[in-house]
Amino acid sequence: MTDDTFAWLLVIPRVPSEPSRHRVAVWRELRRMGAVPIASGAWVIPEVPAFTEALAAVRALAEKGGGSVVVLTAGSYEDGGVSSLRDAFVAARTDEWDEFIADCAKFDAEIDREIAKEKFTFGELEEEEQSLERLRRWHRDLSRRNAIPLDAATTAAQRLDEVTEKLAEFSELVYAANLPAAAGHQ
């Protein structure tokens, strides 16, 4: 999907400042869904189902705190108005993908350290499997809000494939190191 196939929406939550937990809950939900803050109290999202369907949760949280949410279609009054929304959105998504790619590198390095130490235990394997599952969930979340195709998203998918393969290799080492010992105890 290219970004010229959808409109941009401004999301303006209005929630009383006290108690602050309601306002913070709205902000967290906006961030979780992938909305990008563009000004004090104003967020932007592309008008695509992955984002618009999440607005109901934002609205419910705002109403729970005695507030409301206004959603407006964004248009340009001057040249570059809507493109600045797109640029903010792309920058936020790129930052997220870059952080994901960096975490894949950390995971990769962690596996290398365990191999170098020959720490081939089932407990370590389970811990690394949990770390990989966290990366997979994160990748799914980022992919869901990837409304604009980005090179960083392609790189992230490749890195996830690479670390998945690396964990498979580590798994083989763990089983090779432990199965003979387990077989001898039968």
Protein backbone atom coordinates (compact mmCIF):
# COMPACT_ATOMS: atom_id res chain seq x y z
CA MET A 1 0.00 0.00 0.00
CA THR A 2 1.40 3.39 -0.90
CA ASP A 3 0.77 6.41 1.22
CA ASP A 4 -1.10 8.26 -1.53
CA THR A 5 -4.00 5.78 -1.25
CA PHE A 6 -5.20 7.00 2.13
CA ALA A 7 -5.98 10.18 3.99
CA TRP A 8 -4.38 11.35 7.20
CA LEU A 9 -6.37 11.76 10.37
CA LEU A 10 -5.70 14.12 13.23
CA VAL A 11 -6.62 12.62 16.57
CA ILE A 12 -7.16 15.13 19.36
CA PRO A 13 -7.91 13.57 22.74
CA ARG A 14 -9.40 15.86 25.36
CA VAL A 15 -9.09 14.37 28.82
CA PRO A 16 -9.10 16.31 32.10
CA SER A 17 -5.63 16.71 33.58
CA GLU A 18 -6.67 15.17 36.89
CA PRO A 19 -6.51 12.38 37.64
CA SER A 20 -3.59 12.07 35.22
CA ARG A 21 -3.87 8.29 34.88
CA HIS A 22 -6.70 8.64 32.33
CA ARG A 23 -4.76 11.04 30.14
CA VAL A 24 -1.67 8.84 30.37
CA ALA A 25 -3.74 5.74 29.48
CA VAL A 26 -4.99 7.53 26.35
CA TRP A 27 -1.45 8.53 25.37
CA ARG A 28 -0.19 4.98 25.90
CA GLU A 29 -2.96 3.56 23.74
CA LEU A 30 -2.24 6.10 21.01
CA ARG A 31 1.45 5.14 21.07
CA ARG A 32 0.62 1.43 21.13
CA MET A 33 -1.56 1.77 18.05
CA GLY A 34 1.20 3.68 16.23
CA ALA A 35 -0.17 7.22 16.34
CA VAL A 36 2.49 9.91 16.03
CA PRO A 37 2.39 13.05 18.17
CA ILE A 38 2.70 16.11 15.91
CA ALA A 39 1.85 18.92 18.34
CA SER A 40 0.80 19.31 21.93
CA GLY A 41 -2.36 17.24 22.23
CA ALA A 42 -2.53 16.30 18.53
CA TRP A 43 -1.66 12.96 16.99
CA VAL A 44 -1.66 11.73 13.39
CA ILE A 45 -2.57 8.36 11.92
CA PRO A 46 -3.16 7.13 8.38
CA GLU A 47 -6.77 6.36 7.59
CA VAL A 48 -6.33 2.61 7.27
CA PRO A 49 -8.11 -0.13 9.25
CA ALA A 50 -5.10 -1.07 11.40
CA PHE A 51 -5.30 2.43 12.87
CA THR A 52 -8.96 3.40 12.61
CA GLU A 53 -10.12 0.18 14.27
CA ALA A 54 -7.94 1.01 17.28
CA LEU A 55 -9.64 4.39 17.74
CA ALA A 56 -12.52 2.76 19.63
CA ALA A 57 -10.14 1.79 22.45
CA VAL A 58 -8.71 5.32 22.56
CA ARG A 59 -12.21 6.79 22.68
CA ALA A 60 -13.25 4.38 25.47
CA LEU A 61 -10.24 5.31 27.59
CA ALA A 62 -10.87 9.03 27.07
CA GLU A 63 -14.55 8.68 27.99
CA LYS A 64 -13.63 6.64 31.07
CA GLY A 65 -11.61 9.64 32.20
CA GLY A 66 -14.44 12.08 31.51
CA GLY A 67 -13.03 13.19 28.17
CA SER A 68 -13.55 12.75 24.47
CA VAL A 69 -11.66 12.29 21.23
CA VAL A 70 -12.00 14.41 18.12
CA VAL A 71 -10.88 12.86 14.82
CA LEU A 72 -10.46 15.12 11.80
CA THR A 73 -9.39 14.43 8.24
CA ALA A 74 -6.22 16.39 7.53
CA GLY A 75 -5.94 18.51 4.43
CA SER A 76 -3.35 21.01 3.26
CA TYR A 77 -3.92 24.73 3.44
CA GLU A 78 -0.43 25.34 2.08
CA ASP A 79 2.06 23.28 0.12
CA GLY A 80 3.69 20.64 2.28
CA GLY A 81 1.07 20.51 5.01
CA VAL A 82 0.07 16.89 4.61
CA SER A 83 3.58 15.88 3.58
CA SER A 84 4.83 17.05 6.98
CA LEU A 85 2.37 14.58 8.58
CA ARG A 86 3.69 11.83 6.33
CA ASP A 87 7.27 12.78 7.17
CA ALA A 88 6.55 12.64 10.92
CA PHE A 89 4.89 9.25 10.50
CA VAL A 90 7.76 7.86 8.40
CA ALA A 91 10.34 9.15 10.89
CA ALA A 92 8.52 7.47 13.79
CA ARG A 93 8.18 4.16 11.94
CA THR A 94 11.81 4.26 10.79
CA ASP A 95 12.95 4.85 14.37
CA GLU A 96 10.90 1.84 15.50
CA TRP A 97 12.31 -0.39 12.76
CA ASP A 98 15.85 0.78 13.53
CA GLU A 99 15.36 -0.06 17.20
CA PHE A 100 14.01 -3.49 16.25
CA ILE A 101 17.01 -4.12 13.98
CA ALA A 102 19.34 -3.10 16.83
CA ASP A 103 17.59 -5.56 19.16
CA CYS A 104 18.04 -8.31 16.57
CA ALA A 105 21.77 -7.51 16.58
CA LYS A 106 21.80 -7.77 20.39
CA PHE A 107 20.03 -11.12 20.19
CA ASP A 108 22.52 -12.31 17.56
CA ALA A 109 25.44 -11.23 19.76
CA GLU A 110 23.89 -12.97 22.77
CA ILE A 111 23.74 -16.26 20.87
CA ASP A 112 27.37 -15.78 19.80
CA ARG A 113 28.38 -15.24 23.46
CA GLU A 114 26.57 -18.40 24.56
CA ILE A 115 28.25 -20.41 21.81
CA ALA A 116 31.67 -18.98 22.72
CA LYS A 117 31.10 -19.92 26.38
CA GLU A 118 29.71 -23.29 25.28
CA LYS A 119 26.68 -22.65 27.46
CA PHE A 120 24.57 -25.33 25.83
CA THR A 121 21.85 -25.77 28.46
CA PHE A 122 18.15 -26.28 27.96
CA GLY A 123 17.52 -23.40 30.36
CA GLU A 124 19.56 -21.06 28.15
CA LEU A 125 17.81 -22.35 25.05
CA GLU A 126 14.42 -21.67 26.62
CA GLU A 127 15.50 -18.16 27.57
CA GLU A 128 16.67 -17.47 24.01
CA GLU A 129 13.45 -18.92 22.56
CA GLN A 130 11.49 -16.49 24.74
CA SER A 131 13.65 -13.62 23.50
CA LEU A 132 13.01 -14.65 19.90
CA GLU A 133 9.27 -14.86 20.55
CA ARG A 134 9.38 -11.31 21.94
CA LEU A 135 11.10 -10.18 18.73
CA ARG A 136 8.46 -11.96 16.64
CA ARG A 137 5.60 -10.26 18.55
CA TRP A 138 7.30 -6.90 18.19
CA HIS A 139 7.79 -7.48 14.46
CA ARG A 140 4.08 -8.34 14.08
CA ASP A 141 3.12 -5.14 15.90
CA LEU A 142 5.43 -3.01 13.77
CA SER A 143 4.27 -4.71 10.57
CA ARG A 144 0.63 -4.07 11.46
CA ARG A 145 1.24 -0.32 11.47
CA ASN A 146 3.58 -0.28 8.48
CA ALA A 147 1.16 1.67 6.27
CA ILE A 148 3.99 3.06 4.14
CA PRO A 149 6.50 0.61 2.66
CA LEU A 150 9.92 1.31 4.17
CA ASP A 151 13.35 -0.14 3.43
CA ALA A 152 13.90 -0.51 7.17
CA ALA A 153 10.90 -2.87 7.36
CA THR A 154 12.44 -5.10 4.69
CA THR A 155 15.76 -5.08 6.52
CA ALA A 156 13.98 -5.91 9.78
CA ALA A 157 12.25 -8.92 8.23
CA GLN A 158 15.61 -10.16 6.92
CA ARG A 159 17.24 -9.70 10.34
CA LEU A 160 14.39 -11.60 12.01
CA ASP A 161 14.89 -14.47 9.56
CA GLU A 162 18.63 -14.46 10.27
CA VAL A 163 18.27 -14.55 14.06
CA THR A 164 15.60 -17.25 13.75
CA GLU A 165 18.10 -19.35 11.80
CA LYS A 166 20.83 -18.57 14.34
CA LEU A 167 18.61 -19.78 17.18
CA ALA A 168 17.90 -22.97 15.22
CA GLU A 169 21.64 -23.57 14.95
CA PHE A 170 22.08 -22.88 18.68
CA SER A 171 19.24 -25.28 19.40
CA GLU A 172 21.04 -28.02 17.48
CA LEU A 173 24.19 -27.39 19.54
CA VAL A 174 22.19 -27.59 22.79
CA TYR A 175 20.57 -30.87 21.81
CA ALA A 176 23.86 -32.31 20.58
CA ALA A 177 25.54 -31.40 23.85
CA ASN A 178 22.75 -32.77 26.04
CA LEU A 179 21.25 -35.78 24.29
CA PRO A 180 24.22 -38.11 24.78
CA ALA A 181 24.20 -37.27 28.49
CA ALA A 182 20.43 -37.77 28.69
CA ALA A 183 20.66 -41.10 26.81
CA GLY A 184 23.30 -42.35 29.25
CA HIS A 185 20.92 -41.93 32.19
CA GLN A 186 18.26 -44.27 30.81
